[in-house]
Amino acid sequence: MKPDLSVVYLTAKAPVLDVPGSQVKLITDHSNGDRRSFHLHVSTPEGVSLVAGSISSTSPIAAITFAGTAIPDPNTPASQRTPWVEQRFQYWAPPAEGFDVIVEVGQPGRFTLSISDHRYGLPQVPGFTTRERPADRMPLAREFLPNSKTDRVLVSGSFVFGL
């Protein structure tokens, strides 16, 4: 389904490419009373310039520590009636050794970590030729913008933890 019927979109079949994406390894999973804590390690392939993603949960999120930094709950004490069930993130220039994420959720403790790796430079596609970005041009630094030409490649994946 087209999101905007006033715009014409070109479509074509495309080959499936074998481009590696981030991997997520569960380090620990333990329960403590009404909370369940997951310690994860995220490894990114070489050449990833940005990791963007989200953590979404079926239970309220109690705490997130992302690459050693505690992420504050966006709710103020006066607005605790709305459970915190999603957090988006961007990590520019992730370290080669990867990074850790600790997620604490209410019981029963199920959540999804969705990740998109952003890389510059197009992969080799059988039957398709491209020109490399000229050496005097920098890559487009922001997200995909309307009418912008970019050589950014996204590889996305989702990982479910808990029940």
N, C-alpha and C. Protein backbone atom coordinates (compact mmCIF):
# COMPACT_ATOMS: atom_id res chain seq x y z
N MET A 1 0.84 -1.17 0.00
CA MET A 1 0.00 0.00 0.00
C MET A 1 0.89 1.24 0.00
N LYS A 2 0.57 2.18 -0.82
CA LYS A 2 1.34 3.41 -0.90
C LYS A 2 0.93 4.36 0.23
N PRO A 3 1.91 4.93 0.95
CA PRO A 3 1.56 5.80 2.06
C PRO A 3 0.95 7.13 1.61
N ASP A 4 1.24 7.58 0.39
CA ASP A 4 0.74 8.86 -0.10
C ASP A 4 0.34 8.66 -1.56
N LEU A 5 -0.94 8.59 -1.83
CA LEU A 5 -1.40 8.27 -3.17
C LEU A 5 -1.20 9.40 -4.17
N SER A 6 -0.78 10.59 -3.72
CA SER A 6 -0.54 11.69 -4.65
C SER A 6 0.86 11.64 -5.25
N VAL A 7 1.68 10.71 -4.80
CA VAL A 7 3.06 10.59 -5.28
C VAL A 7 3.19 9.28 -6.05
N VAL A 8 3.88 9.32 -7.18
CA VAL A 8 4.11 8.12 -7.96
C VAL A 8 5.41 7.48 -7.48
N TYR A 9 5.35 6.19 -7.20
CA TYR A 9 6.52 5.46 -6.73
C TYR A 9 6.93 4.46 -7.79
N LEU A 10 8.23 4.35 -8.01
CA LEU A 10 8.75 3.34 -8.92
C LEU A 10 9.08 2.11 -8.10
N THR A 11 8.73 0.96 -8.60
CA THR A 11 9.03 -0.28 -7.90
C THR A 11 9.64 -1.27 -8.87
N ALA A 12 10.43 -2.16 -8.34
CA ALA A 12 11.04 -3.21 -9.15
C ALA A 12 11.48 -4.33 -8.21
N LYS A 13 11.59 -5.51 -8.75
CA LYS A 13 12.12 -6.62 -7.97
C LYS A 13 13.61 -6.36 -7.73
N ALA A 14 14.07 -6.78 -6.57
CA ALA A 14 15.47 -6.58 -6.22
C ALA A 14 16.03 -7.89 -5.67
N PRO A 15 17.30 -8.14 -5.91
CA PRO A 15 17.89 -9.36 -5.36
C PRO A 15 18.09 -9.25 -3.85
N VAL A 16 18.05 -10.37 -3.19
CA VAL A 16 18.36 -10.41 -1.77
C VAL A 16 19.88 -10.44 -1.63
N LEU A 17 20.42 -9.51 -0.84
CA LEU A 17 21.86 -9.42 -0.67
C LEU A 17 22.28 -10.02 0.67
N ASP A 18 23.45 -10.61 0.67
CA ASP A 18 23.99 -11.18 1.90
C ASP A 18 24.87 -10.11 2.55
N VAL A 19 24.22 -9.18 3.28
CA VAL A 19 24.92 -8.10 3.97
C VAL A 19 24.74 -8.34 5.46
N PRO A 20 25.82 -8.54 6.21
CA PRO A 20 25.68 -8.85 7.63
C PRO A 20 25.13 -7.67 8.42
N GLY A 21 24.34 -7.97 9.44
CA GLY A 21 23.80 -6.95 10.34
C GLY A 21 24.32 -7.15 11.74
N SER A 22 23.92 -6.26 12.62
CA SER A 22 24.32 -6.37 14.03
C SER A 22 23.84 -7.68 14.63
N GLN A 23 24.58 -8.17 15.58
CA GLN A 23 24.21 -9.36 16.33
C GLN A 23 24.01 -8.97 17.78
N VAL A 24 23.06 -9.59 18.44
CA VAL A 24 22.77 -9.31 19.84
C VAL A 24 22.91 -10.61 20.62
N LYS A 25 23.73 -10.57 21.67
CA LYS A 25 23.95 -11.76 22.50
C LYS A 25 23.41 -11.48 23.90
N LEU A 26 22.61 -12.40 24.41
CA LEU A 26 22.10 -12.30 25.77
C LEU A 26 23.21 -12.73 26.74
N ILE A 27 23.64 -11.82 27.60
CA ILE A 27 24.68 -12.12 28.59
C ILE A 27 24.04 -12.70 29.86
N THR A 28 23.03 -12.00 30.40
CA THR A 28 22.32 -12.50 31.58
C THR A 28 20.84 -12.15 31.47
N ASP A 29 20.02 -12.93 32.13
CA ASP A 29 18.58 -12.73 32.24
C ASP A 29 18.20 -13.17 33.64
N HIS A 30 17.83 -12.21 34.49
CA HIS A 30 17.43 -12.62 35.83
C HIS A 30 16.26 -11.78 36.34
N SER A 31 15.48 -12.40 37.24
CA SER A 31 14.32 -11.75 37.84
C SER A 31 14.63 -11.36 39.27
N ASN A 32 14.04 -10.23 39.68
CA ASN A 32 14.18 -9.76 41.05
C ASN A 32 12.86 -9.12 41.44
N GLY A 33 12.01 -9.89 42.11
CA GLY A 33 10.70 -9.38 42.51
C GLY A 33 9.82 -9.12 41.29
N ASP A 34 9.38 -7.86 41.13
CA ASP A 34 8.48 -7.53 40.02
C ASP A 34 9.23 -7.04 38.79
N ARG A 35 10.57 -7.17 38.77
CA ARG A 35 11.37 -6.74 37.62
C ARG A 35 12.16 -7.91 37.03
N ARG A 36 12.40 -7.78 35.73
CA ARG A 36 13.24 -8.74 35.02
C ARG A 36 14.31 -7.94 34.30
N SER A 37 15.57 -8.33 34.46
CA SER A 37 16.71 -7.59 33.91
C SER A 37 17.43 -8.42 32.86
N PHE A 38 17.69 -7.80 31.71
CA PHE A 38 18.40 -8.44 30.60
C PHE A 38 19.66 -7.65 30.32
N HIS A 39 20.80 -8.32 30.31
CA HIS A 39 22.07 -7.70 29.94
C HIS A 39 22.43 -8.24 28.56
N LEU A 40 22.53 -7.35 27.58
CA LEU A 40 22.79 -7.72 26.19
C LEU A 40 24.10 -7.12 25.71
N HIS A 41 24.73 -7.79 24.75
CA HIS A 41 25.90 -7.23 24.07
C HIS A 41 25.58 -7.15 22.59
N VAL A 42 25.74 -5.94 22.02
CA VAL A 42 25.47 -5.70 20.60
C VAL A 42 26.80 -5.59 19.87
N SER A 43 26.98 -6.43 18.85
CA SER A 43 28.17 -6.39 18.00
C SER A 43 27.76 -5.89 16.63
N THR A 44 28.49 -4.90 16.13
CA THR A 44 28.17 -4.36 14.81
C THR A 44 29.25 -4.75 13.81
N PRO A 45 28.85 -4.98 12.56
CA PRO A 45 29.84 -5.31 11.54
C PRO A 45 30.77 -4.12 11.25
N GLU A 46 31.91 -4.41 10.69
CA GLU A 46 32.86 -3.36 10.30
C GLU A 46 32.20 -2.41 9.31
N GLY A 47 32.47 -1.12 9.47
CA GLY A 47 31.98 -0.13 8.53
C GLY A 47 30.65 0.50 8.91
N VAL A 48 30.04 0.09 10.01
CA VAL A 48 28.77 0.69 10.44
C VAL A 48 29.07 2.05 11.05
N SER A 49 28.42 3.10 10.51
CA SER A 49 28.66 4.45 11.02
C SER A 49 27.61 4.87 12.04
N LEU A 50 26.44 4.26 12.00
CA LEU A 50 25.35 4.62 12.90
C LEU A 50 24.51 3.39 13.18
N VAL A 51 24.19 3.20 14.45
CA VAL A 51 23.22 2.18 14.85
C VAL A 51 22.01 2.94 15.37
N ALA A 52 20.87 2.73 14.74
CA ALA A 52 19.62 3.36 15.18
C ALA A 52 18.64 2.27 15.53
N GLY A 53 17.80 2.52 16.50
CA GLY A 53 16.85 1.49 16.84
C GLY A 53 15.90 1.88 17.93
N SER A 54 15.25 0.86 18.46
CA SER A 54 14.28 1.09 19.53
C SER A 54 14.18 -0.13 20.42
N ILE A 55 13.77 0.14 21.65
CA ILE A 55 13.44 -0.91 22.61
C ILE A 55 11.97 -0.71 22.93
N SER A 56 11.17 -1.74 22.67
CA SER A 56 9.74 -1.65 22.98
C SER A 56 9.35 -2.88 23.79
N SER A 57 8.43 -2.67 24.72
CA SER A 57 8.09 -3.73 25.67
C SER A 57 6.59 -3.86 25.83
N THR A 58 6.16 -5.08 26.14
CA THR A 58 4.76 -5.32 26.47
C THR A 58 4.49 -4.98 27.93
N SER A 59 5.56 -4.85 28.73
CA SER A 59 5.48 -4.47 30.14
C SER A 59 6.15 -3.11 30.29
N PRO A 60 5.82 -2.36 31.33
CA PRO A 60 6.50 -1.07 31.53
C PRO A 60 8.01 -1.26 31.67
N ILE A 61 8.77 -0.36 31.04
CA ILE A 61 10.22 -0.39 31.13
C ILE A 61 10.62 0.33 32.42
N ALA A 62 11.39 -0.35 33.27
CA ALA A 62 11.81 0.23 34.54
C ALA A 62 13.11 1.01 34.40
N ALA A 63 14.04 0.53 33.55
CA ALA A 63 15.33 1.20 33.39
C ALA A 63 16.03 0.70 32.14
N ILE A 64 16.83 1.57 31.54
CA ILE A 64 17.69 1.20 30.41
C ILE A 64 19.05 1.81 30.65
N THR A 65 20.08 0.98 30.50
CA THR A 65 21.46 1.48 30.49
C THR A 65 22.02 1.15 29.12
N PHE A 66 22.45 2.18 28.41
CA PHE A 66 22.89 2.04 27.03
C PHE A 66 24.35 2.44 26.94
N ALA A 67 25.23 1.49 26.62
CA ALA A 67 26.67 1.74 26.50
C ALA A 67 27.20 2.46 27.74
N GLY A 68 26.76 2.00 28.92
CA GLY A 68 27.26 2.54 30.19
C GLY A 68 26.54 3.78 30.68
N THR A 69 25.58 4.31 29.93
CA THR A 69 24.86 5.51 30.34
C THR A 69 23.41 5.17 30.65
N ALA A 70 22.94 5.54 31.84
CA ALA A 70 21.54 5.33 32.21
C ALA A 70 20.68 6.29 31.40
N ILE A 71 19.64 5.76 30.76
CA ILE A 71 18.72 6.56 29.97
C ILE A 71 17.58 6.98 30.90
N PRO A 72 17.36 8.29 31.07
CA PRO A 72 16.29 8.71 31.99
C PRO A 72 14.90 8.40 31.44
N ASP A 73 14.00 8.08 32.35
CA ASP A 73 12.61 7.85 32.00
C ASP A 73 12.01 9.18 31.57
N PRO A 74 11.38 9.25 30.38
CA PRO A 74 10.84 10.53 29.92
C PRO A 74 9.64 11.01 30.72
N ASN A 75 9.04 10.14 31.53
CA ASN A 75 7.88 10.54 32.33
C ASN A 75 8.33 11.25 33.60
N THR A 76 7.65 12.30 33.96
CA THR A 76 7.90 12.97 35.23
C THR A 76 7.08 12.26 36.29
N PRO A 77 7.40 12.45 37.58
CA PRO A 77 6.60 11.78 38.62
C PRO A 77 5.11 12.08 38.51
N ALA A 78 4.74 13.27 38.04
CA ALA A 78 3.32 13.63 37.94
C ALA A 78 2.61 12.88 36.81
N SER A 79 3.37 12.35 35.86
CA SER A 79 2.72 11.68 34.72
C SER A 79 3.00 10.19 34.68
N GLN A 80 3.22 9.57 35.82
CA GLN A 80 3.54 8.14 35.86
C GLN A 80 2.36 7.27 35.44
N ARG A 81 1.19 7.87 35.19
CA ARG A 81 0.05 7.08 34.73
C ARG A 81 0.31 6.47 33.35
N THR A 82 1.24 7.05 32.58
CA THR A 82 1.57 6.53 31.25
C THR A 82 2.84 5.69 31.36
N PRO A 83 2.74 4.37 31.24
CA PRO A 83 3.96 3.54 31.36
C PRO A 83 4.94 3.82 30.22
N TRP A 84 6.19 3.75 30.54
CA TRP A 84 7.27 3.93 29.58
C TRP A 84 7.47 2.59 28.90
N VAL A 85 7.04 2.43 27.63
CA VAL A 85 7.10 1.14 26.97
C VAL A 85 7.92 1.16 25.68
N GLU A 86 8.50 2.31 25.33
CA GLU A 86 9.36 2.37 24.15
C GLU A 86 10.42 3.44 24.32
N GLN A 87 11.62 3.15 23.83
CA GLN A 87 12.72 4.12 23.83
C GLN A 87 13.47 3.98 22.52
N ARG A 88 13.67 5.07 21.82
CA ARG A 88 14.44 5.08 20.57
C ARG A 88 15.85 5.56 20.86
N PHE A 89 16.81 5.15 20.03
CA PHE A 89 18.19 5.57 20.23
C PHE A 89 18.93 5.66 18.91
N GLN A 90 20.02 6.42 18.92
CA GLN A 90 20.99 6.47 17.83
C GLN A 90 22.37 6.43 18.46
N TYR A 91 23.26 5.63 17.89
CA TYR A 91 24.64 5.53 18.39
C TYR A 91 25.55 5.73 17.20
N TRP A 92 26.15 6.93 17.10
CA TRP A 92 27.05 7.25 16.00
C TRP A 92 28.43 6.70 16.31
N ALA A 93 29.09 6.17 15.30
CA ALA A 93 30.45 5.61 15.39
C ALA A 93 30.56 4.61 16.54
N PRO A 94 29.78 3.52 16.49
CA PRO A 94 29.86 2.54 17.57
C PRO A 94 31.25 1.91 17.62
N PRO A 95 31.71 1.55 18.81
CA PRO A 95 33.05 0.98 18.94
C PRO A 95 33.15 -0.40 18.29
N ALA A 96 34.34 -0.73 17.81
CA ALA A 96 34.57 -2.01 17.14
C ALA A 96 34.26 -3.20 18.04
N GLU A 97 34.45 -3.04 19.35
CA GLU A 97 34.19 -4.15 20.28
C GLU A 97 32.71 -4.29 20.64
N GLY A 98 31.87 -3.40 20.11
CA GLY A 98 30.45 -3.45 20.40
C GLY A 98 30.11 -2.68 21.66
N PHE A 99 28.89 -2.84 22.12
CA PHE A 99 28.45 -2.11 23.31
C PHE A 99 27.39 -2.93 24.03
N ASP A 100 27.19 -2.61 25.31
CA ASP A 100 26.23 -3.33 26.14
C ASP A 100 24.96 -2.51 26.32
N VAL A 101 23.85 -3.22 26.46
CA VAL A 101 22.55 -2.63 26.76
C VAL A 101 21.95 -3.45 27.89
N ILE A 102 21.48 -2.77 28.94
CA ILE A 102 20.80 -3.43 30.04
C ILE A 102 19.38 -2.89 30.08
N VAL A 103 18.41 -3.79 30.01
CA VAL A 103 17.00 -3.40 30.00
C VAL A 103 16.32 -4.08 31.18
N GLU A 104 15.64 -3.27 32.00
CA GLU A 104 14.84 -3.80 33.11
C GLU A 104 13.38 -3.51 32.80
N VAL A 105 12.58 -4.56 32.81
CA VAL A 105 11.15 -4.43 32.52
C VAL A 105 10.35 -5.10 33.63
N GLY A 106 9.08 -4.69 33.71
CA GLY A 106 8.18 -5.34 34.66
C GLY A 106 7.89 -6.77 34.23
N GLN A 107 7.51 -7.60 35.17
CA GLN A 107 7.19 -8.99 34.85
C GLN A 107 5.93 -9.04 33.99
N PRO A 108 5.79 -9.89 33.03
CA PRO A 108 6.60 -11.08 32.80
C PRO A 108 7.89 -10.79 32.05
N GLY A 109 8.10 -9.58 31.55
CA GLY A 109 9.39 -9.21 31.01
C GLY A 109 9.67 -9.64 29.60
N ARG A 110 8.94 -9.12 28.65
CA ARG A 110 9.20 -9.40 27.24
C ARG A 110 9.42 -8.06 26.54
N PHE A 111 10.45 -7.99 25.69
CA PHE A 111 10.68 -6.77 24.93
C PHE A 111 11.36 -7.10 23.61
N THR A 112 11.30 -6.13 22.70
CA THR A 112 11.91 -6.27 21.38
C THR A 112 12.96 -5.18 21.21
N LEU A 113 14.14 -5.58 20.78
CA LEU A 113 15.21 -4.65 20.43
C LEU A 113 15.30 -4.66 18.91
N SER A 114 14.97 -3.54 18.28
CA SER A 114 15.06 -3.41 16.82
C SER A 114 16.25 -2.53 16.49
N ILE A 115 17.06 -2.97 15.52
CA ILE A 115 18.30 -2.26 15.18
C ILE A 115 18.39 -2.09 13.67
N SER A 116 18.83 -0.90 13.26
CA SER A 116 19.18 -0.64 11.85
C SER A 116 20.62 -0.16 11.80
N ASP A 117 21.46 -0.89 11.07
CA ASP A 117 22.85 -0.48 10.85
C ASP A 117 22.88 0.41 9.62
N HIS A 118 23.57 1.54 9.72
CA HIS A 118 23.73 2.45 8.59
C HIS A 118 25.19 2.40 8.14
N ARG A 119 25.40 2.18 6.85
CA ARG A 119 26.75 2.12 6.28
C ARG A 119 26.80 3.01 5.05
N TYR A 120 27.96 3.54 4.79
CA TYR A 120 28.17 4.32 3.57
C TYR A 120 28.80 3.43 2.52
N GLY A 121 28.39 3.60 1.28
CA GLY A 121 28.92 2.80 0.18
C GLY A 121 27.97 1.68 -0.17
N LEU A 122 27.62 1.59 -1.42
CA LEU A 122 26.67 0.57 -1.86
C LEU A 122 27.36 -0.76 -2.06
N PRO A 123 26.71 -1.86 -1.71
CA PRO A 123 27.30 -3.18 -1.93
C PRO A 123 27.24 -3.55 -3.40
N GLN A 124 27.99 -4.55 -3.78
CA GLN A 124 27.93 -5.06 -5.14
C GLN A 124 26.62 -5.79 -5.35
N VAL A 125 25.89 -5.40 -6.39
CA VAL A 125 24.62 -6.02 -6.71
C VAL A 125 24.75 -6.64 -8.09
N PRO A 126 24.52 -7.94 -8.21
CA PRO A 126 24.65 -8.58 -9.53
C PRO A 126 23.76 -7.90 -10.57
N GLY A 127 24.36 -7.56 -11.72
CA GLY A 127 23.62 -6.96 -12.82
C GLY A 127 23.33 -5.48 -12.65
N PHE A 128 23.94 -4.83 -11.65
CA PHE A 128 23.66 -3.43 -11.38
C PHE A 128 24.99 -2.71 -11.16
N THR A 129 25.22 -1.65 -11.88
CA THR A 129 26.47 -0.91 -11.69
C THR A 129 26.16 0.48 -11.14
N THR A 130 27.01 0.94 -10.27
CA THR A 130 26.89 2.27 -9.69
C THR A 130 28.23 2.97 -9.77
N ARG A 131 28.18 4.27 -9.71
CA ARG A 131 29.41 5.05 -9.62
C ARG A 131 29.70 5.31 -8.15
N GLU A 132 30.95 5.20 -7.78
CA GLU A 132 31.31 5.50 -6.40
C GLU A 132 31.18 6.99 -6.16
N ARG A 133 30.94 7.34 -4.91
CA ARG A 133 30.86 8.75 -4.53
C ARG A 133 32.22 9.39 -4.81
N PRO A 134 32.24 10.55 -5.47
CA PRO A 134 33.53 11.20 -5.74
C PRO A 134 34.28 11.49 -4.44
N ALA A 135 35.60 11.44 -4.51
CA ALA A 135 36.44 11.62 -3.32
C ALA A 135 36.27 12.99 -2.69
N ASP A 136 35.84 13.98 -3.46
CA ASP A 136 35.68 15.33 -2.90
C ASP A 136 34.28 15.56 -2.31
N ARG A 137 33.48 14.51 -2.19
CA ARG A 137 32.12 14.63 -1.63
C ARG A 137 32.03 13.82 -0.35
N MET A 138 31.37 14.40 0.63
CA MET A 138 31.16 13.65 1.88
C MET A 138 29.81 12.94 1.81
N PRO A 139 29.63 11.87 2.56
CA PRO A 139 28.33 11.19 2.56
C PRO A 139 27.28 12.05 3.24
N LEU A 140 26.04 11.82 2.88
CA LEU A 140 24.92 12.50 3.51
C LEU A 140 24.85 12.03 4.95
N ALA A 141 24.95 12.96 5.89
CA ALA A 141 25.08 12.59 7.30
C ALA A 141 23.77 12.25 7.98
N ARG A 142 22.67 12.79 7.53
CA ARG A 142 21.40 12.58 8.22
C ARG A 142 20.61 11.45 7.58
N GLU A 143 19.39 11.26 8.09
CA GLU A 143 18.53 10.22 7.58
C GLU A 143 18.21 10.45 6.11
N PHE A 144 17.48 9.53 5.54
CA PHE A 144 17.05 9.66 4.16
C PHE A 144 16.07 10.83 4.08
N LEU A 145 16.39 11.81 3.27
CA LEU A 145 15.55 12.98 3.11
C LEU A 145 14.91 12.96 1.73
N PRO A 146 13.74 13.59 1.57
CA PRO A 146 13.12 13.61 0.24
C PRO A 146 14.06 14.24 -0.79
N ASN A 147 14.10 13.69 -1.96
CA ASN A 147 14.90 14.18 -3.08
C ASN A 147 16.41 14.15 -2.84
N SER A 148 16.88 13.45 -1.83
CA SER A 148 18.32 13.38 -1.60
C SER A 148 18.86 12.09 -2.20
N LYS A 149 20.06 12.18 -2.69
CA LYS A 149 20.73 10.99 -3.22
C LYS A 149 21.79 10.59 -2.22
N THR A 150 21.79 9.35 -1.86
CA THR A 150 22.73 8.89 -0.85
C THR A 150 23.25 7.51 -1.23
N ASP A 151 24.41 7.19 -0.71
CA ASP A 151 24.94 5.85 -0.90
C ASP A 151 24.94 5.10 0.44
N ARG A 152 23.95 5.40 1.24
CA ARG A 152 23.81 4.75 2.55
C ARG A 152 23.01 3.47 2.40
N VAL A 153 23.44 2.44 3.11
CA VAL A 153 22.77 1.15 3.11
C VAL A 153 22.29 0.87 4.53
N LEU A 154 21.06 0.40 4.66
CA LEU A 154 20.52 0.03 5.97
C LEU A 154 20.31 -1.48 6.01
N VAL A 155 20.73 -2.08 7.13
CA VAL A 155 20.45 -3.48 7.39
C VAL A 155 19.73 -3.51 8.73
N SER A 156 18.52 -4.05 8.75
CA SER A 156 17.70 -4.02 9.96
C SER A 156 17.41 -5.42 10.48
N GLY A 157 17.21 -5.49 11.78
CA GLY A 157 16.84 -6.74 12.41
C GLY A 157 16.13 -6.48 13.72
N SER A 158 15.36 -7.45 14.17
CA SER A 158 14.67 -7.35 15.47
C SER A 158 14.98 -8.59 16.28
N PHE A 159 15.14 -8.37 17.58
CA PHE A 159 15.48 -9.44 18.51
C PHE A 159 14.48 -9.39 19.66
N VAL A 160 13.85 -10.51 19.96
CA VAL A 160 12.83 -10.57 21.01
C VAL A 160 13.41 -11.31 22.21
N PHE A 161 13.22 -10.75 23.40
CA PHE A 161 13.71 -11.36 24.64
C PHE A 161 12.57 -11.49 25.62
N GLY A 162 12.61 -12.53 26.41
CA GLY A 162 11.57 -12.76 27.41
C GLY A 162 10.72 -13.94 27.02
N LEU A 163 9.51 -13.95 27.54
CA LEU A 163 8.59 -15.08 27.33
C LEU A 163 8.61 -15.64 25.93
